[in-house]
N, C-alpha and C. Protein backbone atom coordinates (compact mmCIF):
# COMPACT_ATOMS: atom_id res chain seq x y z
N UNK A 1 28.85 115.50 -16.20
CA UNK A 1 30.22 115.76 -15.84
C UNK A 1 31.11 115.24 -16.96
N UNK A 2 32.09 116.07 -17.33
CA UNK A 2 33.07 115.70 -18.35
C UNK A 2 34.46 115.88 -17.75
N UNK A 3 35.35 114.94 -18.08
CA UNK A 3 36.73 115.06 -17.64
C UNK A 3 37.62 115.07 -18.87
N UNK A 4 38.41 116.13 -19.01
CA UNK A 4 39.37 116.24 -20.10
C UNK A 4 40.76 116.17 -19.50
N UNK A 5 41.58 115.24 -20.01
CA UNK A 5 42.92 115.04 -19.47
C UNK A 5 43.96 115.29 -20.55
N UNK A 6 45.00 116.04 -20.20
CA UNK A 6 46.12 116.30 -21.10
C UNK A 6 47.33 115.56 -20.53
N UNK A 7 47.68 114.44 -21.15
CA UNK A 7 48.76 113.60 -20.62
C UNK A 7 50.13 114.24 -20.78
N UNK A 8 50.28 115.13 -21.73
CA UNK A 8 51.57 115.79 -21.93
C UNK A 8 51.83 116.81 -20.82
N UNK A 9 50.83 117.63 -20.53
CA UNK A 9 50.98 118.67 -19.51
C UNK A 9 50.61 118.18 -18.11
N UNK A 10 50.06 116.96 -18.01
CA UNK A 10 49.63 116.39 -16.72
C UNK A 10 48.60 117.29 -16.04
N UNK A 11 47.63 117.73 -16.84
CA UNK A 11 46.55 118.57 -16.33
C UNK A 11 45.21 117.92 -16.67
N UNK A 12 44.20 118.31 -15.94
CA UNK A 12 42.85 117.82 -16.22
C UNK A 12 41.86 118.93 -15.90
N UNK A 13 40.73 118.88 -16.61
CA UNK A 13 39.63 119.78 -16.30
C UNK A 13 38.37 118.94 -16.10
N UNK A 14 37.76 119.12 -14.96
CA UNK A 14 36.52 118.41 -14.64
C UNK A 14 35.39 119.42 -14.76
N UNK A 15 34.59 119.27 -15.80
CA UNK A 15 33.45 120.18 -16.01
C UNK A 15 32.23 119.57 -15.34
N UNK A 16 31.76 120.23 -14.30
CA UNK A 16 30.59 119.75 -13.58
C UNK A 16 29.30 120.22 -14.24
N UNK A 17 29.31 121.49 -14.67
CA UNK A 17 28.15 122.09 -15.33
C UNK A 17 28.65 122.98 -16.46
N UNK A 18 27.87 123.06 -17.50
CA UNK A 18 28.20 123.95 -18.61
C UNK A 18 27.61 125.32 -18.27
N UNK A 19 28.48 126.20 -17.81
CA UNK A 19 28.04 127.52 -17.38
C UNK A 19 29.20 128.49 -17.53
N UNK A 20 28.88 129.78 -17.63
CA UNK A 20 29.92 130.78 -17.76
C UNK A 20 30.70 130.89 -16.45
N UNK A 21 32.02 130.87 -16.56
CA UNK A 21 32.89 130.99 -15.40
C UNK A 21 33.08 132.48 -15.09
N UNK A 22 32.73 132.86 -13.88
CA UNK A 22 32.83 134.24 -13.45
C UNK A 22 34.08 134.47 -12.61
N UNK A 23 34.44 133.47 -11.82
CA UNK A 23 35.57 133.62 -10.91
C UNK A 23 36.25 132.27 -10.72
N UNK A 24 37.55 132.30 -10.47
CA UNK A 24 38.31 131.08 -10.17
C UNK A 24 39.07 131.30 -8.87
N UNK A 25 39.23 130.21 -8.11
CA UNK A 25 39.95 130.29 -6.84
C UNK A 25 40.83 129.06 -6.69
N UNK A 26 42.12 129.31 -6.44
CA UNK A 26 43.04 128.20 -6.17
C UNK A 26 42.83 127.78 -4.72
N UNK A 27 42.32 126.56 -4.52
CA UNK A 27 42.02 126.11 -3.17
C UNK A 27 43.22 125.43 -2.52
N UNK A 28 44.11 124.92 -3.33
CA UNK A 28 45.39 124.37 -2.89
C UNK A 28 46.30 124.36 -4.10
N UNK A 29 47.56 124.23 -3.88
CA UNK A 29 48.50 124.24 -5.00
C UNK A 29 48.14 123.14 -5.99
N UNK A 30 47.77 123.54 -7.20
CA UNK A 30 47.44 122.58 -8.25
C UNK A 30 45.97 122.29 -8.42
N UNK A 31 45.11 122.85 -7.57
CA UNK A 31 43.66 122.64 -7.69
C UNK A 31 42.96 124.00 -7.68
N UNK A 32 42.20 124.26 -8.76
CA UNK A 32 41.49 125.53 -8.92
C UNK A 32 40.01 125.24 -9.16
N UNK A 33 39.15 125.88 -8.39
CA UNK A 33 37.70 125.77 -8.60
C UNK A 33 37.24 126.95 -9.46
N UNK A 34 36.37 126.67 -10.41
CA UNK A 34 35.74 127.70 -11.24
C UNK A 34 34.29 127.87 -10.79
N UNK A 35 33.87 129.13 -10.62
CA UNK A 35 32.54 129.44 -10.12
C UNK A 35 31.72 130.20 -11.17
N UNK A 36 30.41 130.00 -11.11
CA UNK A 36 29.51 130.76 -11.98
C UNK A 36 28.98 131.98 -11.22
N UNK A 37 28.02 132.66 -11.81
CA UNK A 37 27.48 133.89 -11.20
C UNK A 37 26.76 133.63 -9.88
N UNK A 38 26.26 132.41 -9.67
CA UNK A 38 25.58 132.06 -8.43
C UNK A 38 26.54 131.48 -7.40
N UNK A 39 27.84 131.58 -7.68
CA UNK A 39 28.91 131.08 -6.82
C UNK A 39 28.88 129.57 -6.66
N UNK A 40 28.35 128.88 -7.65
CA UNK A 40 28.32 127.42 -7.68
C UNK A 40 29.57 126.94 -8.41
N UNK A 41 30.19 125.88 -7.90
CA UNK A 41 31.37 125.33 -8.57
C UNK A 41 30.92 124.64 -9.85
N UNK A 42 31.45 125.12 -10.97
CA UNK A 42 31.08 124.56 -12.27
C UNK A 42 32.22 123.77 -12.90
N UNK A 43 33.42 123.93 -12.37
CA UNK A 43 34.54 123.19 -12.92
C UNK A 43 35.70 123.15 -11.96
N UNK A 44 36.57 122.16 -12.17
CA UNK A 44 37.75 121.99 -11.34
C UNK A 44 38.95 121.81 -12.26
N UNK A 45 39.95 122.65 -12.07
CA UNK A 45 41.18 122.54 -12.84
C UNK A 45 42.23 121.85 -11.97
N UNK A 46 42.91 120.87 -12.55
CA UNK A 46 43.97 120.15 -11.85
C UNK A 46 45.27 120.34 -12.62
N UNK A 47 46.30 120.78 -11.92
CA UNK A 47 47.61 121.00 -12.53
C UNK A 47 48.63 120.09 -11.86
N UNK A 48 49.58 119.59 -12.65
CA UNK A 48 50.64 118.73 -12.11
C UNK A 48 50.03 117.61 -11.27
N UNK A 49 49.14 116.86 -11.88
CA UNK A 49 48.39 115.84 -11.17
C UNK A 49 49.31 114.87 -10.44
N UNK A 50 50.44 114.55 -11.05
CA UNK A 50 51.35 113.58 -10.45
C UNK A 50 51.93 114.09 -9.12
N UNK A 51 51.85 115.38 -8.86
CA UNK A 51 52.38 115.96 -7.62
C UNK A 51 51.31 116.10 -6.55
N UNK A 52 50.03 115.91 -6.90
CA UNK A 52 48.96 116.05 -5.91
C UNK A 52 48.93 114.84 -4.99
N UNK A 53 48.71 115.09 -3.72
CA UNK A 53 48.66 114.00 -2.75
C UNK A 53 47.31 113.28 -2.82
N UNK A 54 47.27 112.11 -2.25
CA UNK A 54 46.01 111.35 -2.17
C UNK A 54 44.97 112.17 -1.42
N UNK A 55 45.36 112.84 -0.36
CA UNK A 55 44.42 113.65 0.43
C UNK A 55 43.84 114.79 -0.41
N UNK A 56 44.69 115.41 -1.23
CA UNK A 56 44.21 116.49 -2.08
C UNK A 56 43.22 115.96 -3.12
N UNK A 57 43.53 114.82 -3.69
CA UNK A 57 42.62 114.22 -4.67
C UNK A 57 41.31 113.78 -4.02
N UNK A 58 41.38 113.23 -2.83
CA UNK A 58 40.17 112.82 -2.11
C UNK A 58 39.27 114.02 -1.80
N UNK A 59 39.87 115.19 -1.60
CA UNK A 59 39.08 116.38 -1.28
C UNK A 59 38.12 116.75 -2.41
N UNK A 60 38.43 116.30 -3.62
CA UNK A 60 37.57 116.60 -4.77
C UNK A 60 36.19 115.98 -4.62
N UNK A 61 36.10 114.85 -3.93
CA UNK A 61 34.81 114.17 -3.77
C UNK A 61 33.82 115.04 -3.01
N UNK A 62 34.31 115.94 -2.17
CA UNK A 62 33.43 116.78 -1.35
C UNK A 62 32.56 117.72 -2.18
N UNK A 63 33.05 118.11 -3.36
CA UNK A 63 32.29 119.06 -4.18
C UNK A 63 31.38 118.36 -5.17
N UNK A 64 31.51 117.04 -5.28
CA UNK A 64 30.65 116.29 -6.20
C UNK A 64 29.34 115.96 -5.51
N UNK A 65 28.26 116.02 -6.27
CA UNK A 65 26.94 115.87 -5.66
C UNK A 65 26.36 114.47 -5.78
N UNK A 66 26.64 113.78 -6.87
CA UNK A 66 25.97 112.50 -7.09
C UNK A 66 26.95 111.33 -6.99
N UNK A 67 26.39 110.18 -6.76
CA UNK A 67 27.18 108.95 -6.72
C UNK A 67 27.84 108.69 -8.07
N UNK A 68 27.12 109.02 -9.14
CA UNK A 68 27.65 108.82 -10.49
C UNK A 68 28.89 109.69 -10.72
N UNK A 69 28.85 110.95 -10.30
CA UNK A 69 30.00 111.83 -10.44
C UNK A 69 31.19 111.30 -9.65
N UNK A 70 30.93 110.84 -8.43
CA UNK A 70 31.99 110.30 -7.60
C UNK A 70 32.60 109.05 -8.23
N UNK A 71 31.76 108.22 -8.86
CA UNK A 71 32.26 107.02 -9.53
C UNK A 71 33.10 107.40 -10.75
N UNK A 72 32.66 108.39 -11.51
CA UNK A 72 33.44 108.85 -12.67
C UNK A 72 34.81 109.35 -12.24
N UNK A 73 34.85 110.13 -11.16
CA UNK A 73 36.13 110.63 -10.66
C UNK A 73 37.00 109.47 -10.20
N UNK A 74 36.42 108.53 -9.51
CA UNK A 74 37.16 107.36 -9.04
C UNK A 74 37.74 106.58 -10.21
N UNK A 75 36.95 106.37 -11.26
CA UNK A 75 37.43 105.66 -12.44
C UNK A 75 38.58 106.40 -13.10
N UNK A 76 38.46 107.72 -13.19
CA UNK A 76 39.50 108.54 -13.80
C UNK A 76 40.80 108.44 -12.99
N UNK A 77 40.71 108.60 -11.68
CA UNK A 77 41.90 108.55 -10.84
C UNK A 77 42.53 107.16 -10.86
N UNK A 78 41.71 106.13 -10.88
CA UNK A 78 42.22 104.76 -10.97
C UNK A 78 42.99 104.54 -12.26
N UNK A 79 42.46 105.07 -13.36
CA UNK A 79 43.14 104.92 -14.65
C UNK A 79 44.47 105.69 -14.65
N UNK A 80 44.52 106.84 -14.00
CA UNK A 80 45.76 107.60 -13.90
C UNK A 80 46.82 106.83 -13.12
N UNK A 81 46.41 106.23 -12.03
CA UNK A 81 47.35 105.45 -11.20
C UNK A 81 47.87 104.27 -12.00
N UNK A 82 47.00 103.61 -12.75
CA UNK A 82 47.41 102.47 -13.56
C UNK A 82 48.43 102.86 -14.62
N UNK A 83 48.22 104.01 -15.26
CA UNK A 83 49.15 104.49 -16.28
C UNK A 83 50.49 104.83 -15.66
N UNK A 84 50.49 105.48 -14.50
CA UNK A 84 51.73 105.87 -13.85
C UNK A 84 52.50 104.66 -13.34
N UNK A 85 51.79 103.60 -12.97
CA UNK A 85 52.46 102.39 -12.47
C UNK A 85 53.08 101.58 -13.59
N UNK A 86 52.58 101.75 -14.81
CA UNK A 86 53.09 100.96 -15.95
C UNK A 86 54.44 101.42 -16.43
């Protein structure tokens, strides 16, 4: 899993798997899932992160499969909160 964050645009891309994206679906305002040919989620696009609610961010954990991925997401979100609080 890779997380790329753009602090200027307040966007992030969470790459779960390196695979060709066949389809994308906006699941809620500001969160888009990218799917491969087998309809597996391979990436998550986050827009206007500062506007996403805690509940919306928590929903991301549901698509993660491993404890390590969940910890990486938690670390990323914690660092975002720390930067916004400063």
